[in-house]
Amino acid sequence: MSSIQQVIENRQIKGLVHFTRLENLVSILHNGIVPRSYLFDDNIPITGMVNDALRLDGKQHGSCFSISFPNWKMFYSYRK
């Protein structure tokens, strides 16, 4: 069993949640969920605004997910 699989089982992770705009769904289905830096490097179009335009954590080479349960505070703020 891989160490990733062990962590998933130990933490009882049931799924991952990724927030994006509906307009980006076609691109995700075609390209997968890729870090923002890849979108710019590979000239993959972004429809509308990005959720976290400032990206204050500086992690342009990563994608954000909530583990097992959506971050409802973040979702609420984007929904408004």
PDB file of N, CA and C in Angstrom:
ATOM      1  N   MET A   1       0.857  -1.180   0.000  1.00  0.00           N
ATOM      2  CA  MET A   1       0.000   0.000   0.000  1.00  0.00           C
ATOM      3  C   MET A   1       0.902   1.243   0.000  1.00  0.00           C
ATOM      4  N   SER A   2       0.587   2.217  -0.849  1.00  0.00           N
ATOM      5  CA  SER A   2       1.393   3.432  -0.929  1.00  0.00           C
ATOM      6  C   SER A   2       1.163   4.311   0.296  1.00  0.00           C
ATOM      7  N   SER A   3       2.124   5.184   0.569  1.00  0.00           N
ATOM      8  CA  SER A   3       1.991   6.067   1.730  1.00  0.00           C
ATOM      9  C   SER A   3       0.814   7.028   1.557  1.00  0.00           C
ATOM     10  N   ILE A   4       0.522   7.432   0.331  1.00  0.00           N
ATOM     11  CA  ILE A   4      -0.624   8.313   0.090  1.00  0.00           C
ATOM     12  C   ILE A   4      -1.917   7.580   0.426  1.00  0.00           C
ATOM     13  N   GLN A   5      -2.000   6.341  -0.009  1.00  0.00           N
ATOM     14  CA  GLN A   5      -3.197   5.541   0.286  1.00  0.00           C
ATOM     15  C   GLN A   5      -3.341   5.336   1.793  1.00  0.00           C
ATOM     16  N   GLN A   6      -2.245   5.166   2.506  1.00  0.00           N
ATOM     17  CA  GLN A   6      -2.293   5.001   3.956  1.00  0.00           C
ATOM     18  C   GLN A   6      -2.826   6.264   4.634  1.00  0.00           C
ATOM     19  N   VAL A   7      -2.354   7.418   4.194  1.00  0.00           N
ATOM     20  CA  VAL A   7      -2.825   8.685   4.760  1.00  0.00           C
ATOM     21  C   VAL A   7      -4.319   8.840   4.509  1.00  0.00           C
ATOM     22  N   ILE A   8      -4.763   8.534   3.299  1.00  0.00           N
ATOM     23  CA  ILE A   8      -6.187   8.637   2.953  1.00  0.00           C
ATOM     24  C   ILE A   8      -7.020   7.734   3.854  1.00  0.00           C
ATOM     25  N   GLU A   9      -6.574   6.519   4.043  1.00  0.00           N
ATOM     26  CA  GLU A   9      -7.319   5.590   4.892  1.00  0.00           C
ATOM     27  C   GLU A   9      -7.266   6.004   6.359  1.00  0.00           C
ATOM     28  N   ASN A  10      -6.090   6.411   6.851  1.00  0.00           N
ATOM     29  CA  ASN A  10      -5.949   6.816   8.257  1.00  0.00           C
ATOM     30  C   ASN A  10      -6.805   8.030   8.597  1.00  0.00           C
ATOM     31  N   ARG A  11      -6.883   8.968   7.663  1.00  0.00           N
ATOM     32  CA  ARG A  11      -7.660  10.193   7.898  1.00  0.00           C
ATOM     33  C   ARG A  11      -9.109  10.055   7.452  1.00  0.00           C
ATOM     34  N   GLN A  12      -9.442   8.923   6.885  1.00  0.00           N
ATOM     35  CA  GLN A  12     -10.789   8.637   6.385  1.00  0.00           C
ATOM     36  C   GLN A  12     -11.271   9.717   5.412  1.00  0.00           C
ATOM     37  N   ILE A  13     -10.383  10.066   4.485  1.00  0.00           N
ATOM     38  CA  ILE A  13     -10.700  11.069   3.464  1.00  0.00           C
ATOM     39  C   ILE A  13     -11.633  10.437   2.436  1.00  0.00           C
ATOM     40  N   LYS A  14     -12.783  11.058   2.256  1.00  0.00           N
ATOM     41  CA  LYS A  14     -13.798  10.526   1.335  1.00  0.00           C
ATOM     42  C   LYS A  14     -13.780  11.200  -0.026  1.00  0.00           C
ATOM     43  N   GLY A  15     -13.212  12.401  -0.108  1.00  0.00           N
ATOM     44  CA  GLY A  15     -13.189  13.100  -1.383  1.00  0.00           C
ATOM     45  C   GLY A  15     -12.494  14.447  -1.275  1.00  0.00           C
ATOM     46  N   LEU A  16     -12.269  15.062  -2.417  1.00  0.00           N
ATOM     47  CA  LEU A  16     -11.691  16.397  -2.503  1.00  0.00           C
ATOM     48  C   LEU A  16     -12.687  17.310  -3.205  1.00  0.00           C
ATOM     49  N   VAL A  17     -12.700  18.583  -2.805  1.00  0.00           N
ATOM     50  CA  VAL A  17     -13.608  19.569  -3.387  1.00  0.00           C
ATOM     51  C   VAL A  17     -12.759  20.709  -3.940  1.00  0.00           C
ATOM     52  N   HIS A  18     -13.059  21.113  -5.173  1.00  0.00           N
ATOM     53  CA  HIS A  18     -12.353  22.227  -5.811  1.00  0.00           C
ATOM     54  C   HIS A  18     -13.387  23.244  -6.274  1.00  0.00           C
ATOM     55  N   PHE A  19     -13.231  24.498  -5.854  1.00  0.00           N
ATOM     56  CA  PHE A  19     -14.152  25.557  -6.264  1.00  0.00           C
ATOM     57  C   PHE A  19     -13.646  26.216  -7.538  1.00  0.00           C
ATOM     58  N   THR A  20     -14.535  26.389  -8.491  1.00  0.00           N
ATOM     59  CA  THR A  20     -14.221  27.130  -9.705  1.00  0.00           C
ATOM     60  C   THR A  20     -15.526  27.666 -10.278  1.00  0.00           C
ATOM     61  N   ARG A  21     -15.400  28.509 -11.246  1.00  0.00           N
ATOM     62  CA  ARG A  21     -16.588  29.019 -11.922  1.00  0.00           C
ATOM     63  C   ARG A  21     -17.085  27.982 -12.921  1.00  0.00           C
ATOM     64  N   LEU A  22     -18.381  27.925 -13.088  1.00  0.00           N
ATOM     65  CA  LEU A  22     -18.989  26.964 -14.009  1.00  0.00           C
ATOM     66  C   LEU A  22     -18.400  27.095 -15.411  1.00  0.00           C
ATOM     67  N   GLU A  23     -18.071  28.307 -15.810  1.00  0.00           N
ATOM     68  CA  GLU A  23     -17.523  28.544 -17.150  1.00  0.00           C
ATOM     69  C   GLU A  23     -16.206  27.806 -17.371  1.00  0.00           C
ATOM     70  N   ASN A  24     -15.509  27.433 -16.297  1.00  0.00           N
ATOM     71  CA  ASN A  24     -14.222  26.746 -16.430  1.00  0.00           C
ATOM     72  C   ASN A  24     -14.349  25.226 -16.508  1.00  0.00           C
ATOM     73  N   LEU A  25     -15.552  24.709 -16.387  1.00  0.00           N
ATOM     74  CA  LEU A  25     -15.755  23.266 -16.346  1.00  0.00           C
ATOM     75  C   LEU A  25     -15.285  22.575 -17.626  1.00  0.00           C
ATOM     76  N   VAL A  26     -15.572  23.147 -18.771  1.00  0.00           N
ATOM     77  CA  VAL A  26     -15.150  22.534 -20.042  1.00  0.00           C
ATOM     78  C   VAL A  26     -13.629  22.428 -20.091  1.00  0.00           C
ATOM     79  N   SER A  27     -12.941  23.482 -19.682  1.00  0.00           N
ATOM     80  CA  SER A  27     -11.480  23.455 -19.666  1.00  0.00           C
ATOM     81  C   SER A  27     -10.954  22.403 -18.695  1.00  0.00           C
ATOM     82  N   ILE A  28     -11.592  22.290 -17.516  1.00  0.00           N
ATOM     83  CA  ILE A  28     -11.164  21.286 -16.534  1.00  0.00           C
ATOM     84  C   ILE A  28     -11.375  19.881 -17.089  1.00  0.00           C
ATOM     85  N   LEU A  29     -12.498  19.659 -17.751  1.00  0.00           N
ATOM     86  CA  LEU A  29     -12.749  18.345 -18.328  1.00  0.00           C
ATOM     87  C   LEU A  29     -11.731  18.014 -19.416  1.00  0.00           C
ATOM     88  N   HIS A  30     -11.263  19.029 -20.114  1.00  0.00           N
ATOM     89  CA  HIS A  30     -10.300  18.818 -21.198  1.00  0.00           C
ATOM     90  C   HIS A  30      -8.860  18.753 -20.681  1.00  0.00           C
ATOM     91  N   ASN A  31      -8.497  19.649 -19.745  1.00  0.00           N
ATOM     92  CA  ASN A  31      -7.106  19.787 -19.292  1.00  0.00           C
ATOM     93  C   ASN A  31      -6.844  19.238 -17.888  1.00  0.00           C
ATOM     94  N   GLY A  32      -7.916  18.953 -17.153  1.00  0.00           N
ATOM     95  CA  GLY A  32      -7.760  18.569 -15.754  1.00  0.00           C
ATOM     96  C   GLY A  32      -7.673  19.814 -14.882  1.00  0.00           C
ATOM     97  N   ILE A  33      -7.594  19.614 -13.582  1.00  0.00           N
ATOM     98  CA  ILE A  33      -7.387  20.737 -12.662  1.00  0.00           C
ATOM     99  C   ILE A  33      -5.893  20.967 -12.601  1.00  0.00           C
ATOM    100  N   VAL A  34      -5.461  22.102 -13.128  1.00  0.00           N
ATOM    101  CA  VAL A  34      -4.032  22.401 -13.197  1.00  0.00           C
ATOM    102  C   VAL A  34      -3.749  23.703 -12.457  1.00  0.00           C
ATOM    103  N   PRO A  35      -2.554  23.855 -11.912  1.00  0.00           N
ATOM    104  CA  PRO A  35      -2.193  25.096 -11.227  1.00  0.00           C
ATOM    105  C   PRO A  35      -2.295  26.304 -12.158  1.00  0.00           C
ATOM    106  N   ARG A  36      -2.546  27.443 -11.564  1.00  0.00           N
ATOM    107  CA  ARG A  36      -2.702  28.680 -12.338  1.00  0.00           C
ATOM    108  C   ARG A  36      -1.475  28.965 -13.200  1.00  0.00           C
ATOM    109  N   SER A  37      -0.282  28.702 -12.687  1.00  0.00           N
ATOM    110  CA  SER A  37       0.925  28.972 -13.473  1.00  0.00           C
ATOM    111  C   SER A  37       0.916  28.160 -14.768  1.00  0.00           C
ATOM    112  N   TYR A  38       0.390  26.937 -14.747  1.00  0.00           N
ATOM    113  CA  TYR A  38       0.306  26.118 -15.957  1.00  0.00           C
ATOM    114  C   TYR A  38      -0.672  26.741 -16.954  1.00  0.00           C
ATOM    115  N   LEU A  39      -1.745  27.320 -16.443  1.00  0.00           N
ATOM    116  CA  LEU A  39      -2.716  27.955 -17.338  1.00  0.00           C
ATOM    117  C   LEU A  39      -2.043  29.042 -18.162  1.00  0.00           C
ATOM    118  N   PHE A  40      -1.210  29.846 -17.487  1.00  0.00           N
ATOM    119  CA  PHE A  40      -0.530  30.932 -18.183  1.00  0.00           C
ATOM    120  C   PHE A  40       0.596  30.401 -19.072  1.00  0.00           C
ATOM    121  N   ASP A  41       1.371  29.439 -18.563  1.00  0.00           N
ATOM    122  CA  ASP A  41       2.492  28.892 -19.333  1.00  0.00           C
ATOM    123  C   ASP A  41       2.023  28.190 -20.602  1.00  0.00           C
ATOM    124  N   ASP A  42       0.892  27.489 -20.522  1.00  0.00           N
ATOM    125  CA  ASP A  42       0.383  26.720 -21.661  1.00  0.00           C
ATOM    126  C   ASP A  42      -0.698  27.461 -22.451  1.00  0.00           C
ATOM    127  N   ASN A  43      -0.910  28.748 -22.118  1.00  0.00           N
ATOM    128  CA  ASN A  43      -1.911  29.575 -22.796  1.00  0.00           C
ATOM    129  C   ASN A  43      -3.306  28.952 -22.775  1.00  0.00           C
ATOM    130  N   ILE A  44      -3.672  28.372 -21.648  1.00  0.00           N
ATOM    131  CA  ILE A  44      -5.012  27.820 -21.488  1.00  0.00           C
ATOM    132  C   ILE A  44      -5.912  28.972 -21.043  1.00  0.00           C
ATOM    133  N   PRO A  45      -6.977  29.251 -21.780  1.00  0.00           N
ATOM    134  CA  PRO A  45      -7.822  30.402 -21.446  1.00  0.00           C
ATOM    135  C   PRO A  45      -8.560  30.228 -20.117  1.00  0.00           C
ATOM    136  N   ILE A  46      -8.664  31.331 -19.397  1.00  0.00           N
ATOM    137  CA  ILE A  46      -9.439  31.376 -18.157  1.00  0.00           C
ATOM    138  C   ILE A  46     -10.672  32.205 -18.453  1.00  0.00           C
ATOM    139  N   THR A  47     -11.839  31.676 -18.141  1.00  0.00           N
ATOM    140  CA  THR A  47     -13.086  32.382 -18.380  1.00  0.00           C
ATOM    141  C   THR A  47     -13.445  33.185 -17.142  1.00  0.00           C
ATOM    142  N   GLY A  48     -13.606  34.475 -17.301  1.00  0.00           N
ATOM    143  CA  GLY A  48     -13.996  35.318 -16.173  1.00  0.00           C
ATOM    144  C   GLY A  48     -12.864  35.496 -15.186  1.00  0.00           C
ATOM    145  N   MET A  49     -13.247  35.844 -13.980  1.00  0.00           N
ATOM    146  CA  MET A  49     -12.274  36.101 -12.920  1.00  0.00           C
ATOM    147  C   MET A  49     -11.836  34.790 -12.276  1.00  0.00           C
ATOM    148  N   VAL A  50     -10.644  34.811 -11.690  1.00  0.00           N
ATOM    149  CA  VAL A  50     -10.199  33.678 -10.884  1.00  0.00           C
ATOM    150  C   VAL A  50     -10.702  33.903  -9.461  1.00  0.00           C
ATOM    151  N   ASN A  51     -10.895  32.819  -8.714  1.00  0.00           N
ATOM    152  CA  ASN A  51     -11.431  32.944  -7.364  1.00  0.00           C
ATOM    153  C   ASN A  51     -10.500  33.693  -6.422  1.00  0.00           C
ATOM    154  N   ASP A  52      -9.214  33.435  -6.517  1.00  0.00           N
ATOM    155  CA  ASP A  52      -8.251  34.013  -5.590  1.00  0.00           C
ATOM    156  C   ASP A  52      -7.213  34.798  -6.384  1.00  0.00           C
ATOM    157  N   ALA A  53      -7.615  35.969  -6.849  1.00  0.00           N
ATOM    158  CA  ALA A  53      -6.760  36.746  -7.750  1.00  0.00           C
ATOM    159  C   ALA A  53      -5.428  37.135  -7.106  1.00  0.00           C
ATOM    160  N   LEU A  54      -5.402  37.389  -5.798  1.00  0.00           N
ATOM    161  CA  LEU A  54      -4.170  37.810  -5.147  1.00  0.00           C
ATOM    162  C   LEU A  54      -3.239  36.643  -4.826  1.00  0.00           C
ATOM    163  N   ARG A  55      -3.793  35.498  -4.578  1.00  0.00           N
ATOM    164  CA  ARG A  55      -3.030  34.291  -4.214  1.00  0.00           C
ATOM    165  C   ARG A  55      -1.930  34.643  -3.209  1.00  0.00           C
ATOM    166  N   LEU A  56      -2.364  35.127  -2.046  1.00  0.00           N
ATOM    167  CA  LEU A  56      -1.461  35.633  -1.018  1.00  0.00           C
ATOM    168  C   LEU A  56      -0.514  34.576  -0.462  1.00  0.00           C
ATOM    169  N   ASP A  57      -0.838  33.300  -0.644  1.00  0.00           N
ATOM    170  CA  ASP A  57       0.073  32.260  -0.171  1.00  0.00           C
ATOM    171  C   ASP A  57       1.265  32.081  -1.109  1.00  0.00           C
ATOM    172  N   GLY A  58       1.204  32.715  -2.297  1.00  0.00           N
ATOM    173  CA  GLY A  58       2.311  32.654  -3.242  1.00  0.00           C
ATOM    174  C   GLY A  58       2.474  31.313  -3.933  1.00  0.00           C
ATOM    175  N   LYS A  59       1.519  30.434  -3.816  1.00  0.00           N
ATOM    176  CA  LYS A  59       1.617  29.075  -4.356  1.00  0.00           C
ATOM    177  C   LYS A  59       0.997  28.998  -5.745  1.00  0.00           C
ATOM    178  N   GLN A  60       1.616  29.620  -6.719  1.00  0.00           N
ATOM    179  CA  GLN A  60       1.107  29.626  -8.088  1.00  0.00           C
ATOM    180  C   GLN A  60       1.231  28.267  -8.769  1.00  0.00           C
ATOM    181  N   HIS A  61       2.050  27.364  -8.195  1.00  0.00           N
ATOM    182  CA  HIS A  61       2.273  26.054  -8.817  1.00  0.00           C
ATOM    183  C   HIS A  61       1.461  24.958  -8.131  1.00  0.00           C
ATOM    184  N   GLY A  62       0.394  25.335  -7.435  1.00  0.00           N
ATOM    185  CA  GLY A  62      -0.447  24.359  -6.766  1.00  0.00           C
ATOM    186  C   GLY A  62      -1.919  24.639  -7.032  1.00  0.00           C
ATOM    187  N   SER A  63      -2.746  23.650  -6.749  1.00  0.00           N
ATOM    188  CA  SER A  63      -4.191  23.804  -6.863  1.00  0.00           C
ATOM    189  C   SER A  63      -4.800  23.633  -5.481  1.00  0.00           C
ATOM    190  N   CYS A  64      -5.864  24.356  -5.207  1.00  0.00           N
ATOM    191  CA  CYS A  64      -6.482  24.325  -3.881  1.00  0.00           C
ATOM    192  C   CYS A  64      -7.683  23.382  -3.856  1.00  0.00           C
ATOM    193  N   PHE A  65      -7.757  22.617  -2.787  1.00  0.00           N
ATOM    194  CA  PHE A  65      -8.855  21.690  -2.569  1.00  0.00           C
ATOM    195  C   PHE A  65      -9.255  21.722  -1.104  1.00  0.00           C
ATOM    196  N   SER A  66     -10.514  21.476  -0.845  1.00  0.00           N
ATOM    197  CA  SER A  66     -10.971  21.190   0.516  1.00  0.00           C
ATOM    198  C   SER A  66     -11.018  19.672   0.624  1.00  0.00           C
ATOM    199  N   ILE A  67     -10.663  19.167   1.801  1.00  0.00           N
ATOM    200  CA  ILE A  67     -10.618  17.717   1.999  1.00  0.00           C
ATOM    201  C   ILE A  67     -11.894  17.249   2.683  1.00  0.00           C
ATOM    202  N   SER A  68     -12.606  16.338   2.033  1.00  0.00           N
ATOM    203  CA  SER A  68     -13.797  15.649   2.533  1.00  0.00           C
ATOM    204  C   SER A  68     -15.033  16.524   2.697  1.00  0.00           C
ATOM    205  N   PHE A  69     -14.875  17.787   3.038  1.00  0.00           N
ATOM    206  CA  PHE A  69     -16.028  18.651   3.239  1.00  0.00           C
ATOM    207  C   PHE A  69     -15.684  20.043   2.731  1.00  0.00           C
ATOM    208  N   PRO A  70     -16.570  20.672   1.959  1.00  0.00           N
ATOM    209  CA  PRO A  70     -16.264  21.998   1.408  1.00  0.00           C
ATOM    210  C   PRO A  70     -15.997  23.042   2.492  1.00  0.00           C
ATOM    211  N   ASN A  71     -15.090  23.950   2.192  1.00  0.00           N
ATOM    212  CA  ASN A  71     -14.830  25.094   3.054  1.00  0.00           C
ATOM    213  C   ASN A  71     -16.011  26.053   2.863  1.00  0.00           C
ATOM    214  N   TRP A  72     -17.021  25.903   3.688  1.00  0.00           N
ATOM    215  CA  TRP A  72     -18.288  26.618   3.473  1.00  0.00           C
ATOM    216  C   TRP A  72     -18.128  28.122   3.600  1.00  0.00           C
ATOM    217  N   LYS A  73     -17.207  28.603   4.423  1.00  0.00           N
ATOM    218  CA  LYS A  73     -17.003  30.066   4.535  1.00  0.00           C
ATOM    219  C   LYS A  73     -16.486  30.639   3.224  1.00  0.00           C
ATOM    220  N   MET A  74     -15.542  29.937   2.622  1.00  0.00           N
ATOM    221  CA  MET A  74     -14.999  30.388   1.350  1.00  0.00           C
ATOM    222  C   MET A  74     -16.063  30.304   0.256  1.00  0.00           C
ATOM    223  N   PHE A  75     -16.782  29.198   0.198  1.00  0.00           N
ATOM    224  CA  PHE A  75     -17.826  29.018  -0.801  1.00  0.00           C
ATOM    225  C   PHE A  75     -18.886  30.100  -0.673  1.00  0.00           C
ATOM    226  N   TYR A  76     -19.297  30.408   0.549  1.00  0.00           N
ATOM    227  CA  TYR A  76     -20.309  31.436   0.780  1.00  0.00           C
ATOM    228  C   TYR A  76     -19.841  32.785   0.248  1.00  0.00           C
ATOM    229  N   SER A  77     -18.589  33.143   0.525  1.00  0.00           N
ATOM    230  CA  SER A  77     -18.080  34.447   0.068  1.00  0.00           C
ATOM    231  C   SER A  77     -18.039  34.524  -1.457  1.00  0.00           C
ATOM    232  N   TYR A  78     -17.686  33.435  -2.131  1.00  0.00           N
ATOM    233  CA  TYR A  78     -17.663  33.442  -3.599  1.00  0.00           C
ATOM    234  C   TYR A  78     -19.069  33.431  -4.191  1.00  0.00           C
ATOM    235  N   ARG A  79     -19.972  32.770  -3.498  1.00  0.00           N
ATOM    236  CA  ARG A  79     -21.348  32.688  -3.988  1.00  0.00           C
ATOM    237  C   ARG A  79     -22.020  34.059  -3.954  1.00  0.00           C
ATOM    238  N   LYS A  80     -21.656  34.887  -3.005  1.00  0.00           N
ATOM    239  CA  LYS A  80     -22.231  36.230  -2.887  1.00  0.00           C
ATOM    240  C   LYS A  80     -21.640  37.111  -3.952  1.00  0.00           C
TER     241      LYS A  80
END
